[in-house]
Amino acid sequence: MARPIWTGTLSFGLLNVPIKLMPGERKVDLHFRLLDARDNTPIRYERVNAESGEEVPWKEIVKAYEFSKGSYVVLDEKDIAAAAAENRETVEIEAFVDAADVSPAYFEKPYVLEPGKKAEKGYVLLREVLARTGKVGIGRVVIRTREYLAMVLPQQDALLLVLLRFPQELVDVSDYKLPEGGAAKWRISEKEMGMAKQLIESMAGKWEPEQYRDEFRDRLHKVIETRMKSKGLVSRPEEGETAIPENAATNVVDFMSLLKKSLATKKRTPPAKTPAKKAPASKSSARKPAAKKAAKPAAAAKSARRRQA
């Protein structure tokens, strides 16, 4: 059973629906390891100091922004966390828009919103009204300190949350050499248009995603199975639900009153916020010198397994 990424609330108007943010995709890629062809030993990727060539332990590694060639400003985890929004366990819906107006180019990654305890009524209310109106909710969500634009939409019995790309992340199509103008400019006749339309209609069908498979992965898997049967295998020994916040409770009794107040005020009552912490001063410095002492074998093996995961 998948574990929630975080638990919190879905907020729209004065309604706060307790939810769990669950993974909405499953990785099925085949993962390969790189081996030394001479003795079939796995190849490791080392974290080394660019000047000394020595391996750098994880505890000595910091994040930095290169603002000019060879010049860095070092940031720690507190600096990055301070830049995130305060409501880190809330999906705040800021507007409802027509689903057809959101281009698929903005879609990035899906999640499933699972209702919390005693939150089913609010969950179903939002799901059904979105389905009937053809609207989707647009808001913001913080996942692992980073704030994302997000869309909430109904799908069967679920509410999905789809992370969206910001406009600045998309390439303007005008940057490319594209054929401008309509059919007349390109001398496309009505007969050609009619035949193309007829072809599309003859190939029309119902969208049934279960009919489509990653055929490349299937064929590659068969190649691997054949190799396993025909050749000797290389074997080397390897070293050896969160509770919903209490303040996220939904008023399941007086939904009508909350909806009326939301329409009248067009404001929402956000969940209780934790006091904002003062952002620590950024540390401006050159690259931090690497530890002189090489990582211990156990630490190196542990870091290697982490990279391979």
C-alpha atoms as a PDB file:
ATOM      1  CA  MET A   1       0.000   0.000   0.000  1.00  0.00           C
ATOM      2  CA  ALA A   2       1.403   3.381  -1.008  1.00  0.00           C
ATOM      3  CA  ARG A   3       2.191   5.807   1.793  1.00  0.00           C
ATOM      4  CA  PRO A   4       1.029   9.443   1.695  1.00  0.00           C
ATOM      5  CA  ILE A   5       3.575  12.072   0.717  1.00  0.00           C
ATOM      6  CA  TRP A   6       1.931  14.357   3.265  1.00  0.00           C
ATOM      7  CA  THR A   7      -1.414  14.830   4.987  1.00  0.00           C
ATOM      8  CA  GLY A   8      -3.192  18.154   5.198  1.00  0.00           C
ATOM      9  CA  THR A   9      -6.173  19.988   3.746  1.00  0.00           C
ATOM     10  CA  LEU A  10      -7.767  20.906   0.435  1.00  0.00           C
ATOM     11  CA  SER A  11      -9.050  24.454   0.852  1.00  0.00           C
ATOM     12  CA  PHE A  12     -11.681  26.259  -1.255  1.00  0.00           C
ATOM     13  CA  GLY A  13     -13.833  29.093   0.037  1.00  0.00           C
ATOM     14  CA  LEU A  14     -14.486  28.414   3.712  1.00  0.00           C
ATOM     15  CA  LEU A  15     -14.333  24.649   3.260  1.00  0.00           C
ATOM     16  CA  ASN A  16     -11.268  22.717   4.396  1.00  0.00           C
ATOM     17  CA  VAL A  17     -11.295  19.041   3.393  1.00  0.00           C
ATOM     18  CA  PRO A  18      -8.713  16.806   5.116  1.00  0.00           C
ATOM     19  CA  ILE A  19      -6.752  14.888   2.480  1.00  0.00           C
ATOM     20  CA  LYS A  20      -3.727  12.674   1.926  1.00  0.00           C
ATOM     21  CA  LEU A  21      -1.478  13.393  -1.053  1.00  0.00           C
ATOM     22  CA  MET A  22      -0.836   9.998  -2.653  1.00  0.00           C
ATOM     23  CA  PRO A  23       1.434   9.013  -5.597  1.00  0.00           C
ATOM     24  CA  GLY A  24      -0.437   8.994  -8.898  1.00  0.00           C
ATOM     25  CA  GLU A  25       2.139   7.320 -11.144  1.00  0.00           C
ATOM     26  CA  ARG A  26       4.101   4.080 -11.129  1.00  0.00           C
ATOM     27  CA  LYS A  27       7.621   3.777 -12.546  1.00  0.00           C
ATOM     28  CA  VAL A  28       8.025   0.646 -14.673  1.00  0.00           C
ATOM     29  CA  ASP A  29      11.311   1.414 -16.426  1.00  0.00           C
ATOM     30  CA  LEU A  30      13.968  -1.293 -16.596  1.00  0.00           C
ATOM     31  CA  HIS A  31      17.036  -0.129 -14.702  1.00  0.00           C
ATOM     32  CA  PHE A  32      20.533  -1.054 -15.827  1.00  0.00           C
ATOM     33  CA  ARG A  33      23.827  -1.154 -13.969  1.00  0.00           C
ATOM     34  CA  LEU A  34      27.152  -0.344 -15.576  1.00  0.00           C
ATOM     35  CA  LEU A  35      29.787  -3.076 -15.172  1.00  0.00           C
ATOM     36  CA  ASP A  36      33.492  -3.288 -15.918  1.00  0.00           C
ATOM     37  CA  ALA A  37      33.610  -5.663 -18.933  1.00  0.00           C
ATOM     38  CA  ARG A  38      36.928  -7.137 -17.712  1.00  0.00           C
ATOM     39  CA  ASP A  39      35.559  -8.694 -14.493  1.00  0.00           C
ATOM     40  CA  ASN A  40      31.847  -7.702 -14.378  1.00  0.00           C
ATOM     41  CA  THR A  41      32.381  -5.506 -11.318  1.00  0.00           C
ATOM     42  CA  PRO A  42      29.814  -2.688 -10.826  1.00  0.00           C
ATOM     43  CA  ILE A  43      31.088   0.798 -11.629  1.00  0.00           C
ATOM     44  CA  ARG A  44      30.557   3.445  -8.957  1.00  0.00           C
ATOM     45  CA  TYR A  45      30.114   7.168  -9.385  1.00  0.00           C
ATOM     46  CA  GLU A  46      32.263   9.041  -6.911  1.00  0.00           C
ATOM     47  CA  ARG A  47      31.716  12.489  -5.415  1.00  0.00           C
ATOM     48  CA  VAL A  48      35.193  13.952  -5.716  1.00  0.00           C
ATOM     49  CA  ASN A  49      36.709  17.347  -5.091  1.00  0.00           C
ATOM     50  CA  ALA A  50      37.447  18.870  -8.505  1.00  0.00           C
ATOM     51  CA  GLU A  51      40.851  20.171  -7.343  1.00  0.00           C
ATOM     52  CA  SER A  52      42.189  17.526  -4.921  1.00  0.00           C
ATOM     53  CA  GLY A  53      40.553  14.480  -6.517  1.00  0.00           C
ATOM     54  CA  GLU A  54      39.585  13.204  -3.044  1.00  0.00           C
ATOM     55  CA  GLU A  55      36.146  11.693  -2.394  1.00  0.00           C
ATOM     56  CA  VAL A  56      33.835  14.042  -0.458  1.00  0.00           C
ATOM     57  CA  PRO A  57      31.586  12.593   2.307  1.00  0.00           C
ATOM     58  CA  TRP A  58      27.872  13.482   2.110  1.00  0.00           C
ATOM     59  CA  LYS A  59      28.094  15.450   5.375  1.00  0.00           C
ATOM     60  CA  GLU A  60      30.614  17.818   3.782  1.00  0.00           C
ATOM     61  CA  ILE A  61      28.496  18.554   0.683  1.00  0.00           C
ATOM     62  CA  VAL A  62      26.507  21.802   0.536  1.00  0.00           C
ATOM     63  CA  LYS A  63      24.264  23.373  -2.095  1.00  0.00           C
ATOM     64  CA  ALA A  64      25.395  26.537  -3.821  1.00  0.00           C
ATOM     65  CA  TYR A  65      24.237  28.824  -6.627  1.00  0.00           C
ATOM     66  CA  GLU A  66      26.856  29.786  -9.227  1.00  0.00           C
ATOM     67  CA  PHE A  67      26.086  33.458  -9.915  1.00  0.00           C
ATOM     68  CA  SER A  68      29.148  33.870 -12.145  1.00  0.00           C
ATOM     69  CA  LYS A  69      31.844  31.543 -13.438  1.00  0.00           C
ATOM     70  CA  GLY A  70      33.651  30.094 -10.416  1.00  0.00           C
ATOM     71  CA  SER A  71      31.774  32.258  -7.875  1.00  0.00           C
ATOM     72  CA  TYR A  72      29.150  30.719  -5.584  1.00  0.00           C
ATOM     73  CA  VAL A  73      26.747  31.651  -2.834  1.00  0.00           C
ATOM     74  CA  VAL A  74      26.244  28.760  -0.406  1.00  0.00           C
ATOM     75  CA  LEU A  75      22.734  27.926   0.841  1.00  0.00           C
ATOM     76  CA  ASP A  76      21.708  25.534   3.601  1.00  0.00           C
ATOM     77  CA  GLU A  77      18.433  23.671   4.044  1.00  0.00           C
ATOM     78  CA  LYS A  78      17.027  26.422   6.305  1.00  0.00           C
ATOM     79  CA  ASP A  79      17.552  29.015   3.563  1.00  0.00           C
ATOM     80  CA  ILE A  80      15.650  26.871   1.058  1.00  0.00           C
ATOM     81  CA  ALA A  81      12.858  26.044   3.524  1.00  0.00           C
ATOM     82  CA  ALA A  82      12.432  29.742   4.364  1.00  0.00           C
ATOM     83  CA  ALA A  83      11.598  30.478   0.723  1.00  0.00           C
ATOM     84  CA  ALA A  84       8.702  27.992   0.712  1.00  0.00           C
ATOM     85  CA  ALA A  85       5.125  29.014   1.452  1.00  0.00           C
ATOM     86  CA  GLU A  86       3.944  28.867   5.067  1.00  0.00           C
ATOM     87  CA  ASN A  87       0.953  26.568   4.445  1.00  0.00           C
ATOM     88  CA  ARG A  88       2.971  23.511   3.478  1.00  0.00           C
ATOM     89  CA  GLU A  89       0.210  20.977   4.035  1.00  0.00           C
ATOM     90  CA  THR A  90      -2.565  22.827   2.231  1.00  0.00           C
ATOM     91  CA  VAL A  91      -3.731  22.750  -1.385  1.00  0.00           C
ATOM     92  CA  GLU A  92      -5.117  26.282  -1.717  1.00  0.00           C
ATOM     93  CA  ILE A  93      -7.514  26.597  -4.638  1.00  0.00           C
ATOM     94  CA  GLU A  94      -7.386  30.201  -5.861  1.00  0.00           C
ATOM     95  CA  ALA A  95      -9.730  29.969  -8.861  1.00  0.00           C
ATOM     96  CA  PHE A  96     -11.982  27.619 -10.825  1.00  0.00           C
ATOM     97  CA  VAL A  97     -11.522  27.629 -14.609  1.00  0.00           C
ATOM     98  CA  ASP A  98     -12.895  25.691 -17.586  1.00  0.00           C
ATOM     99  CA  ALA A  99     -11.031  22.403 -17.916  1.00  0.00           C
ATOM    100  CA  ALA A 100     -10.811  22.865 -21.699  1.00  0.00           C
ATOM    101  CA  ASP A 101      -8.865  26.130 -21.226  1.00  0.00           C
ATOM    102  CA  VAL A 102      -5.868  24.431 -19.595  1.00  0.00           C
ATOM    103  CA  SER A 103      -3.495  23.234 -22.306  1.00  0.00           C
ATOM    104  CA  PRO A 104      -1.967  19.747 -21.831  1.00  0.00           C
ATOM    105  CA  ALA A 105       1.411  21.429 -22.346  1.00  0.00           C
ATOM    106  CA  TYR A 106       1.148  22.595 -18.718  1.00  0.00           C
ATOM    107  CA  PHE A 107       0.593  19.078 -17.288  1.00  0.00           C
ATOM    108  CA  GLU A 108       3.578  17.697 -15.410  1.00  0.00           C
ATOM    109  CA  LYS A 109       2.846  15.039 -12.776  1.00  0.00           C
ATOM    110  CA  PRO A 110      -0.319  13.438 -11.316  1.00  0.00           C
ATOM    111  CA  TYR A 111      -1.177  12.709  -7.691  1.00  0.00           C
ATOM    112  CA  VAL A 112      -4.302  11.219  -6.109  1.00  0.00           C
ATOM    113  CA  LEU A 113      -6.056  13.059  -3.284  1.00  0.00           C
ATOM    114  CA  GLU A 114      -7.464  10.614  -0.737  1.00  0.00           C
ATOM    115  CA  PRO A 115     -10.001  11.953   1.779  1.00  0.00           C
ATOM    116  CA  GLY A 116      -9.102  11.956   5.440  1.00  0.00           C
ATOM    117  CA  LYS A 117     -11.236  10.552   8.227  1.00  0.00           C
ATOM    118  CA  LYS A 118     -14.831  11.893   8.178  1.00  0.00           C
ATOM    119  CA  ALA A 119     -13.976  14.075   5.161  1.00  0.00           C
ATOM    120  CA  GLU A 120     -15.892  12.063   2.550  1.00  0.00           C
ATOM    121  CA  LYS A 121     -18.824  14.493   2.260  1.00  0.00           C
ATOM    122  CA  GLY A 122     -16.683  17.522   1.438  1.00  0.00           C
ATOM    123  CA  TYR A 123     -14.581  15.418  -0.910  1.00  0.00           C
ATOM    124  CA  VAL A 124     -17.602  14.130  -2.846  1.00  0.00           C
ATOM    125  CA  LEU A 125     -19.182  17.590  -2.921  1.00  0.00           C
ATOM    126  CA  LEU A 126     -16.161  19.100  -4.674  1.00  0.00           C
ATOM    127  CA  ARG A 127     -15.726  16.100  -6.972  1.00  0.00           C
ATOM    128  CA  GLU A 128     -19.338  16.128  -8.142  1.00  0.00           C
ATOM    129  CA  VAL A 129     -19.637  19.878  -8.667  1.00  0.00           C
ATOM    130  CA  LEU A 130     -16.427  19.919 -10.719  1.00  0.00           C
ATOM    131  CA  ALA A 131     -17.743  17.057 -12.852  1.00  0.00           C
ATOM    132  CA  ARG A 132     -21.092  18.789 -13.438  1.00  0.00           C
ATOM    133  CA  THR A 133     -19.645  22.212 -14.264  1.00  0.00           C
ATOM    134  CA  GLY A 134     -16.632  21.112 -16.321  1.00  0.00           C
ATOM    135  CA  LYS A 135     -14.395  23.233 -14.088  1.00  0.00           C
ATOM    136  CA  VAL A 136     -11.037  22.492 -12.473  1.00  0.00           C
ATOM    137  CA  GLY A 137      -9.480  24.113  -9.429  1.00  0.00           C
ATOM    138  CA  ILE A 138      -6.212  26.013  -9.835  1.00  0.00           C
ATOM    139  CA  GLY A 139      -4.035  26.620  -6.792  1.00  0.00           C
ATOM    140  CA  ARG A 140      -0.669  26.068  -5.201  1.00  0.00           C
ATOM    141  CA  VAL A 141       0.899  23.232  -3.239  1.00  0.00           C
ATOM    142  CA  VAL A 142       4.256  22.775  -1.507  1.00  0.00           C
ATOM    143  CA  ILE A 143       5.997  19.414  -1.949  1.00  0.00           C
ATOM    144  CA  ARG A 144       9.381  18.894  -0.296  1.00  0.00           C
ATOM    145  CA  THR A 145      10.005  22.641   0.218  1.00  0.00           C
ATOM    146  CA  ARG A 146       9.224  23.600  -3.399  1.00  0.00           C
ATOM    147  CA  GLU A 147       6.012  25.399  -4.327  1.00  0.00           C
ATOM    148  CA  TYR A 148       4.143  24.208  -7.433  1.00  0.00           C
ATOM    149  CA  LEU A 149       1.197  25.389  -9.463  1.00  0.00           C
ATOM    150  CA  ALA A 150      -1.471  22.681  -9.330  1.00  0.00           C
ATOM    151  CA  MET A 151      -4.825  21.683 -10.823  1.00  0.00           C
ATOM    152  CA  VAL A 152      -7.527  19.699  -9.007  1.00  0.00           C
ATOM    153  CA  LEU A 153      -9.892  17.733 -11.256  1.00  0.00           C
ATOM    154  CA  PRO A 154     -12.352  14.824 -10.948  1.00  0.00           C
ATOM    155  CA  GLN A 155     -11.647  11.399 -12.409  1.00  0.00           C
ATOM    156  CA  GLN A 156     -14.166   8.640 -11.720  1.00  0.00           C
ATOM    157  CA  ASP A 157     -14.402   8.386  -7.904  1.00  0.00           C
ATOM    158  CA  ALA A 158     -11.188  10.329  -7.320  1.00  0.00           C
ATOM    159  CA  LEU A 159      -9.971  13.875  -7.126  1.00  0.00           C
ATOM    160  CA  LEU A 160      -6.637  14.183  -8.902  1.00  0.00           C
ATOM    161  CA  LEU A 161      -4.040  16.826  -8.254  1.00  0.00           C
ATOM    162  CA  VAL A 162      -1.882  17.482 -11.325  1.00  0.00           C
ATOM    163  CA  LEU A 163       1.255  19.579 -10.951  1.00  0.00           C
ATOM    164  CA  LEU A 164       1.407  22.249 -13.637  1.00  0.00           C
ATOM    165  CA  ARG A 165       4.344  23.953 -15.285  1.00  0.00           C
ATOM    166  CA  PHE A 166       4.558  27.722 -14.854  1.00  0.00           C
ATOM    167  CA  PRO A 167       4.256  29.733 -18.094  1.00  0.00           C
ATOM    168  CA  GLN A 168       7.958  30.658 -17.997  1.00  0.00           C
ATOM    169  CA  GLU A 169       8.810  26.954 -18.171  1.00  0.00           C
ATOM    170  CA  LEU A 170       7.165  26.567 -21.582  1.00  0.00           C
ATOM    171  CA  VAL A 171       8.823  27.426 -24.874  1.00  0.00           C
ATOM    172  CA  ASP A 172       6.885  29.966 -26.929  1.00  0.00           C
ATOM    173  CA  VAL A 173       5.860  28.190 -30.151  1.00  0.00           C
ATOM    174  CA  SER A 174       6.680  31.358 -32.080  1.00  0.00           C
ATOM    175  CA  ASP A 175      10.352  30.575 -31.395  1.00  0.00           C
ATOM    176  CA  TYR A 176      10.094  27.781 -33.965  1.00  0.00           C
ATOM    177  CA  LYS A 177       9.706  27.817 -37.707  1.00  0.00           C
ATOM    178  CA  LEU A 178       6.042  26.883 -38.141  1.00  0.00           C
ATOM    179  CA  PRO A 179       3.679  27.183 -41.139  1.00  0.00           C
ATOM    180  CA  GLU A 180       1.475  30.236 -40.539  1.00  0.00           C
ATOM    181  CA  GLY A 181      -1.929  30.791 -42.057  1.00  0.00           C
ATOM    182  CA  GLY A 182      -4.878  28.557 -42.805  1.00  0.00           C
ATOM    183  CA  ALA A 183      -5.888  26.063 -45.464  1.00  0.00           C
ATOM    184  CA  ALA A 184      -6.373  28.668 -48.205  1.00  0.00           C
ATOM    185  CA  LYS A 185      -2.824  29.991 -47.875  1.00  0.00           C
ATOM    186  CA  TRP A 186      -1.414  26.504 -48.346  1.00  0.00           C
ATOM    187  CA  ARG A 187      -3.772  25.677 -51.211  1.00  0.00           C
ATOM    188  CA  ILE A 188      -5.579  22.907 -49.370  1.00  0.00           C
ATOM    189  CA  SER A 189      -8.796  22.212 -51.275  1.00  0.00           C
ATOM    190  CA  GLU A 190     -12.189  21.434 -49.774  1.00  0.00           C
ATOM    191  CA  LYS A 191     -11.939  17.976 -51.312  1.00  0.00           C
ATOM    192  CA  GLU A 192      -8.673  17.301 -49.489  1.00  0.00           C
ATOM    193  CA  MET A 193     -10.175  18.593 -46.252  1.00  0.00           C
ATOM    194  CA  GLY A 194     -13.211  16.367 -46.727  1.00  0.00           C
ATOM    195  CA  MET A 195     -11.114  13.266 -47.400  1.00  0.00           C
ATOM    196  CA  ALA A 196      -8.929  13.953 -44.355  1.00  0.00           C
ATOM    197  CA  LYS A 197     -12.033  14.406 -42.205  1.00  0.00           C
ATOM    198  CA  GLN A 198     -13.477  11.151 -43.567  1.00  0.00           C
ATOM    199  CA  LEU A 199     -10.223   9.324 -42.745  1.00  0.00           C
ATOM    200  CA  ILE A 200     -10.233  10.651 -39.175  1.00  0.00           C
ATOM    201  CA  GLU A 201     -13.858   9.642 -38.695  1.00  0.00           C
ATOM    202  CA  SER A 202     -13.131   6.128 -40.014  1.00  0.00           C
ATOM    203  CA  MET A 203     -10.355   5.774 -37.426  1.00  0.00           C
ATOM    204  CA  ALA A 204     -12.322   7.335 -34.561  1.00  0.00           C
ATOM    205  CA  GLY A 205     -12.783   5.274 -31.430  1.00  0.00           C
ATOM    206  CA  LYS A 206     -13.221   5.432 -27.674  1.00  0.00           C
ATOM    207  CA  TRP A 207     -10.234   6.326 -25.533  1.00  0.00           C
ATOM    208  CA  GLU A 208      -9.296   3.064 -23.798  1.00  0.00           C
ATOM    209  CA  PRO A 209      -5.818   3.521 -22.258  1.00  0.00           C
ATOM    210  CA  GLU A 210      -5.626  -0.109 -21.108  1.00  0.00           C
ATOM    211  CA  GLN A 211      -5.211  -1.112 -24.768  1.00  0.00           C
ATOM    212  CA  TYR A 212      -1.832   0.632 -24.935  1.00  0.00           C
ATOM    213  CA  ARG A 213       1.345  -0.894 -23.520  1.00  0.00           C
ATOM    214  CA  ASP A 214       5.011  -0.009 -23.471  1.00  0.00           C
ATOM    215  CA  GLU A 215       5.902  -2.521 -26.200  1.00  0.00           C
ATOM    216  CA  PHE A 216       9.593  -1.598 -26.171  1.00  0.00           C
ATOM    217  CA  ARG A 217       9.796  -2.537 -22.484  1.00  0.00           C
ATOM    218  CA  ASP A 218       7.999  -5.849 -23.147  1.00  0.00           C
ATOM    219  CA  ARG A 219      10.370  -6.754 -25.996  1.00  0.00           C
ATOM    220  CA  LEU A 220      13.418  -5.774 -23.977  1.00  0.00           C
ATOM    221  CA  HIS A 221      12.191  -7.863 -21.063  1.00  0.00           C
ATOM    222  CA  LYS A 222      11.963 -10.890 -23.373  1.00  0.00           C
ATOM    223  CA  VAL A 223      15.530 -10.250 -24.574  1.00  0.00           C
ATOM    224  CA  ILE A 224      16.688 -10.221 -20.934  1.00  0.00           C
ATOM    225  CA  GLU A 225      14.854 -13.483 -20.189  1.00  0.00           C
ATOM    226  CA  THR A 226      16.420 -15.132 -23.262  1.00  0.00           C
ATOM    227  CA  ARG A 227      19.892 -13.995 -22.202  1.00  0.00           C
ATOM    228  CA  MET A 228      19.311 -15.319 -18.690  1.00  0.00           C
ATOM    229  CA  LYS A 229      18.507 -18.772 -20.096  1.00  0.00           C
ATOM    230  CA  SER A 230      21.287 -18.945 -22.696  1.00  0.00           C
ATOM    231  CA  LYS A 231      24.244 -17.428 -20.833  1.00  0.00           C
ATOM    232  CA  GLY A 232      25.777 -17.688 -17.392  1.00  0.00           C
ATOM    233  CA  LEU A 233      24.504 -15.119 -14.927  1.00  0.00           C
ATOM    234  CA  VAL A 234      26.800 -12.625 -13.249  1.00  0.00           C
ATOM    235  CA  SER A 235      26.222 -12.728  -9.505  1.00  0.00           C
ATOM    236  CA  ARG A 236      28.091 -10.721  -6.915  1.00  0.00           C
ATOM    237  CA  PRO A 237      27.252 -10.596  -3.167  1.00  0.00           C
ATOM    238  CA  GLU A 238      25.680  -7.391  -1.919  1.00  0.00           C
ATOM    239  CA  GLU A 239      26.329  -5.876   1.528  1.00  0.00           C
ATOM    240  CA  GLY A 240      24.325  -6.867   3.676  1.00  0.00           C
ATOM    241  CA  GLU A 241      -0.539   5.845   7.963  1.00  0.00           C
ATOM    242  CA  THR A 242       0.091   9.317   9.363  1.00  0.00           C
ATOM    243  CA  ALA A 243      -2.589  10.849  11.462  1.00  0.00           C
ATOM    244  CA  ILE A 244      -4.667  13.716  10.046  1.00  0.00           C
ATOM    245  CA  PRO A 245      -3.980  17.011  11.889  1.00  0.00           C
ATOM    246  CA  GLU A 246      -6.661  17.777  14.463  1.00  0.00           C
ATOM    247  CA  ASN A 247      -7.154  21.320  13.169  1.00  0.00           C
ATOM    248  CA  ALA A 248      -7.962  19.934   9.715  1.00  0.00           C
ATOM    249  CA  ALA A 249     -11.407  18.656  10.688  1.00  0.00           C
ATOM    250  CA  THR A 250     -14.208  19.321   8.209  1.00  0.00           C
ATOM    251  CA  ASN A 251     -17.593  20.611   9.321  1.00  0.00           C
ATOM    252  CA  VAL A 252     -19.677  17.818   7.805  1.00  0.00           C
ATOM    253  CA  VAL A 253     -22.921  19.177   9.271  1.00  0.00           C
ATOM    254  CA  ASP A 254     -23.292  22.739   8.011  1.00  0.00           C
ATOM    255  CA  PHE A 255     -21.961  22.676   4.423  1.00  0.00           C
ATOM    256  CA  MET A 256     -24.747  24.921   3.138  1.00  0.00           C
ATOM    257  CA  SER A 257     -23.868  27.661   5.609  1.00  0.00           C
ATOM    258  CA  LEU A 258     -20.169  27.558   4.670  1.00  0.00           C
ATOM    259  CA  LEU A 259     -20.984  27.662   0.964  1.00  0.00           C
ATOM    260  CA  LYS A 260     -23.286  30.676   1.423  1.00  0.00           C
ATOM    261  CA  LYS A 261     -20.659  32.545   3.433  1.00  0.00           C
ATOM    262  CA  SER A 262     -17.998  31.726   0.826  1.00  0.00           C
ATOM    263  CA  LEU A 263     -20.178  33.115  -1.953  1.00  0.00           C
ATOM    264  CA  ALA A 264     -20.991  36.233   0.068  1.00  0.00           C
ATOM    265  CA  THR A 265     -17.468  37.076   1.195  1.00  0.00           C
ATOM    266  CA  LYS A 266     -15.431  35.408  -1.561  1.00  0.00           C
ATOM    267  CA  LYS A 267     -12.875  34.765   1.153  1.00  0.00           C
ATOM    268  CA  ARG A 268     -11.575  31.644   2.773  1.00  0.00           C
ATOM    269  CA  THR A 269     -10.477  30.894   6.297  1.00  0.00           C
ATOM    270  CA  PRO A 270      -7.032  29.325   6.040  1.00  0.00           C
ATOM    271  CA  PRO A 271      -5.901  26.682   8.510  1.00  0.00           C
ATOM    272  CA  ALA A 272      -3.954  27.808  11.531  1.00  0.00           C
ATOM    273  CA  LYS A 273      -0.498  28.948  10.504  1.00  0.00           C
ATOM    274  CA  THR A 274       2.669  28.259  12.415  1.00  0.00           C
ATOM    275  CA  PRO A 275       4.584  31.409  13.329  1.00  0.00           C
ATOM    276  CA  ALA A 276       6.814  32.456  10.467  1.00  0.00           C
ATOM    277  CA  LYS A 277      10.459  31.812  11.201  1.00  0.00           C
ATOM    278  CA  LYS A 278      13.074  34.398  10.487  1.00  0.00           C
ATOM    279  CA  ALA A 279      15.020  33.513   7.365  1.00  0.00           C
ATOM    280  CA  PRO A 280      18.697  33.038   8.253  1.00  0.00           C
ATOM    281  CA  ALA A 281      21.173  35.228   6.494  1.00  0.00           C
ATOM    282  CA  SER A 282      22.552  33.674   3.311  1.00  0.00           C
ATOM    283  CA  LYS A 283      26.131  32.610   3.515  1.00  0.00           C
ATOM    284  CA  SER A 284      28.165  34.166   0.720  1.00  0.00           C
ATOM    285  CA  SER A 285      31.419  32.392   0.300  1.00  0.00           C
ATOM    286  CA  ALA A 286      33.632  30.619  -2.148  1.00  0.00           C
ATOM    287  CA  ARG A 287      33.515  26.871  -2.485  1.00  0.00           C
ATOM    288  CA  LYS A 288      33.810  25.138   0.864  1.00  0.00           C
ATOM    289  CA  PRO A 289      37.053  23.185   1.140  1.00  0.00           C
ATOM    290  CA  ALA A 290      36.534  19.432   0.959  1.00  0.00           C
ATOM    291  CA  ALA A 291      37.387  17.189   3.892  1.00  0.00           C
ATOM    292  CA  LYS A 292      40.973  15.955   3.681  1.00  0.00           C
ATOM    293  CA  LYS A 293      40.085  12.584   5.082  1.00  0.00           C
ATOM    294  CA  ALA A 294      38.697  10.082   2.583  1.00  0.00           C
ATOM    295  CA  ALA A 295      35.326   8.492   3.333  1.00  0.00           C
ATOM    296  CA  LYS A 296      35.395   5.249   5.283  1.00  0.00           C
ATOM    297  CA  PRO A 297      34.691   2.072   3.272  1.00  0.00           C
ATOM    298  CA  ALA A 298      31.321   1.555   5.003  1.00  0.00           C
ATOM    299  CA  ALA A 299      30.277   5.150   4.287  1.00  0.00           C
ATOM    300  CA  ALA A 300      31.392   4.840   0.661  1.00  0.00           C
ATOM    301  CA  ALA A 301      29.423   1.618   0.228  1.00  0.00           C
ATOM    302  CA  LYS A 302      26.354   3.224   1.807  1.00  0.00           C
ATOM    303  CA  SER A 303      26.555   6.236  -0.495  1.00  0.00           C
ATOM    304  CA  ALA A 304      27.028   3.936  -3.499  1.00  0.00           C
ATOM    305  CA  ARG A 305      23.839   2.032  -2.644  1.00  0.00           C
ATOM    306  CA  ARG A 306      21.982   5.343  -2.279  1.00  0.00           C
ATOM    307  CA  ARG A 307      23.059   6.412  -5.771  1.00  0.00           C
ATOM    308  CA  GLN A 308      22.026   3.057  -7.222  1.00  0.00           C
ATOM    309  CA  ALA A 309      18.552   3.214  -5.644  1.00  0.00           C
END
